[in-house]
């Protein structure tokens, strides 16, 4: 790899990240620093989980929750760009 690849903003983020503490993709330290998601060129603040390599995000749908108390989500495909706020 070249230095250009390591210096890119996306290199600092995991390929997949979740806000759910029960998920194996949860990273509390990174989430405390403040991660923003730009999805298809629009900043989103209701993203529950993302995957850069597969190009999808899970976004919360209103205030609806499932039987375990987790937010109901919908999976959308598109270009995902994580960044620090």
Protein backbone atom coordinates (compact mmCIF):
# COMPACT_ATOMS: atom_id res chain seq x y z
CA UNK A 1 0.00 0.00 0.00
CA UNK A 2 1.10 3.52 -0.63
CA UNK A 3 0.99 6.37 1.87
CA UNK A 4 -1.91 7.93 -0.04
CA UNK A 5 -4.12 4.95 0.77
CA UNK A 6 -3.27 5.07 4.49
CA UNK A 7 -3.85 8.83 4.73
CA UNK A 8 -7.37 8.71 3.30
CA UNK A 9 -10.16 9.60 5.76
CA UNK A 10 -11.95 6.29 5.18
CA UNK A 11 -8.81 4.37 6.23
CA UNK A 12 -9.32 5.58 9.83
CA UNK A 13 -12.76 3.97 10.03
CA UNK A 14 -13.75 0.30 10.15
CA UNK A 15 -15.51 -1.12 7.09
CA UNK A 16 -18.58 -1.75 9.21
CA UNK A 17 -19.79 0.04 12.35
CA UNK A 18 -22.92 -0.28 14.49
CA UNK A 19 -24.41 1.83 17.29
CA UNK A 20 -25.95 -1.26 18.94
CA UNK A 21 -23.72 -2.40 21.87
CA UNK A 22 -24.80 -6.04 21.34
CA UNK A 23 -23.41 -6.02 17.79
CA UNK A 24 -19.94 -7.45 17.08
CA UNK A 25 -19.34 -4.33 14.93
CA UNK A 26 -19.84 -1.89 17.84
CA UNK A 27 -16.86 0.37 18.70
CA UNK A 28 -17.68 2.59 21.68
CA UNK A 29 -14.39 4.53 21.56
CA UNK A 30 -14.90 5.55 17.95
CA UNK A 31 -18.58 6.42 18.48
CA UNK A 32 -17.68 8.68 21.44
CA UNK A 33 -15.37 10.67 19.16
CA UNK A 34 -18.36 11.39 16.92
CA UNK A 35 -18.80 9.63 13.59
CA UNK A 36 -20.80 11.29 10.84
CA UNK A 37 -22.16 9.51 7.79
CA UNK A 38 -22.56 11.04 4.35
CA UNK A 39 -24.94 8.78 2.39
CA UNK A 40 -25.29 9.51 -1.34
CA UNK A 41 -23.86 12.99 -0.69
CA UNK A 42 -26.30 13.88 2.12
CA UNK A 43 -25.34 14.05 5.81
CA UNK A 44 -27.47 11.63 7.84
CA UNK A 45 -27.90 11.60 11.61
CA UNK A 46 -30.19 8.58 12.00
CA UNK A 47 -27.80 5.86 10.79
CA UNK A 48 -27.76 2.83 13.09
CA UNK A 49 -25.21 0.76 11.12
CA UNK A 50 -23.17 1.07 7.93
CA UNK A 51 -20.95 -1.01 5.65
CA UNK A 52 -18.64 0.87 3.26
CA UNK A 53 -17.50 -2.11 1.14
CA UNK A 54 -21.04 -3.39 0.51
CA UNK A 55 -22.47 0.14 0.15
CA UNK A 56 -25.39 0.14 2.58
CA UNK A 57 -26.70 1.83 5.71
CA UNK A 58 -29.41 0.92 8.20
CA UNK A 59 -31.45 3.93 9.25
CA UNK A 60 -33.98 4.18 12.05
CA UNK A 61 -37.62 4.48 11.02
CA UNK A 62 -39.40 6.96 13.26
CA UNK A 63 -39.71 6.03 16.92
CA UNK A 64 -40.92 2.49 16.30
CA UNK A 65 -39.14 -0.24 18.27
CA UNK A 66 -39.11 -4.03 18.01
CA UNK A 67 -40.03 -6.43 20.83
CA UNK A 68 -36.49 -6.16 22.25
CA UNK A 69 -36.61 -2.35 22.43
CA UNK A 70 -34.28 -1.80 19.45
CA UNK A 71 -35.12 0.81 16.83
CA UNK A 72 -36.79 -0.52 13.68
CA UNK A 73 -34.46 0.00 10.72
CA UNK A 74 -34.55 -0.01 6.95
CA UNK A 75 -31.53 -0.94 4.81
CA UNK A 76 -30.65 1.44 1.96
CA UNK A 77 -27.97 0.91 -0.69
CA UNK A 78 -25.74 3.69 -1.98
CA UNK A 79 -22.43 5.44 -1.48
CA UNK A 80 -21.33 5.53 2.19
CA UNK A 81 -18.70 8.01 3.43
CA UNK A 82 -17.88 8.04 7.18
CA UNK A 83 -16.12 11.04 8.74
CA UNK A 84 -15.30 12.48 12.17
CA UNK A 85 -17.54 15.30 13.34
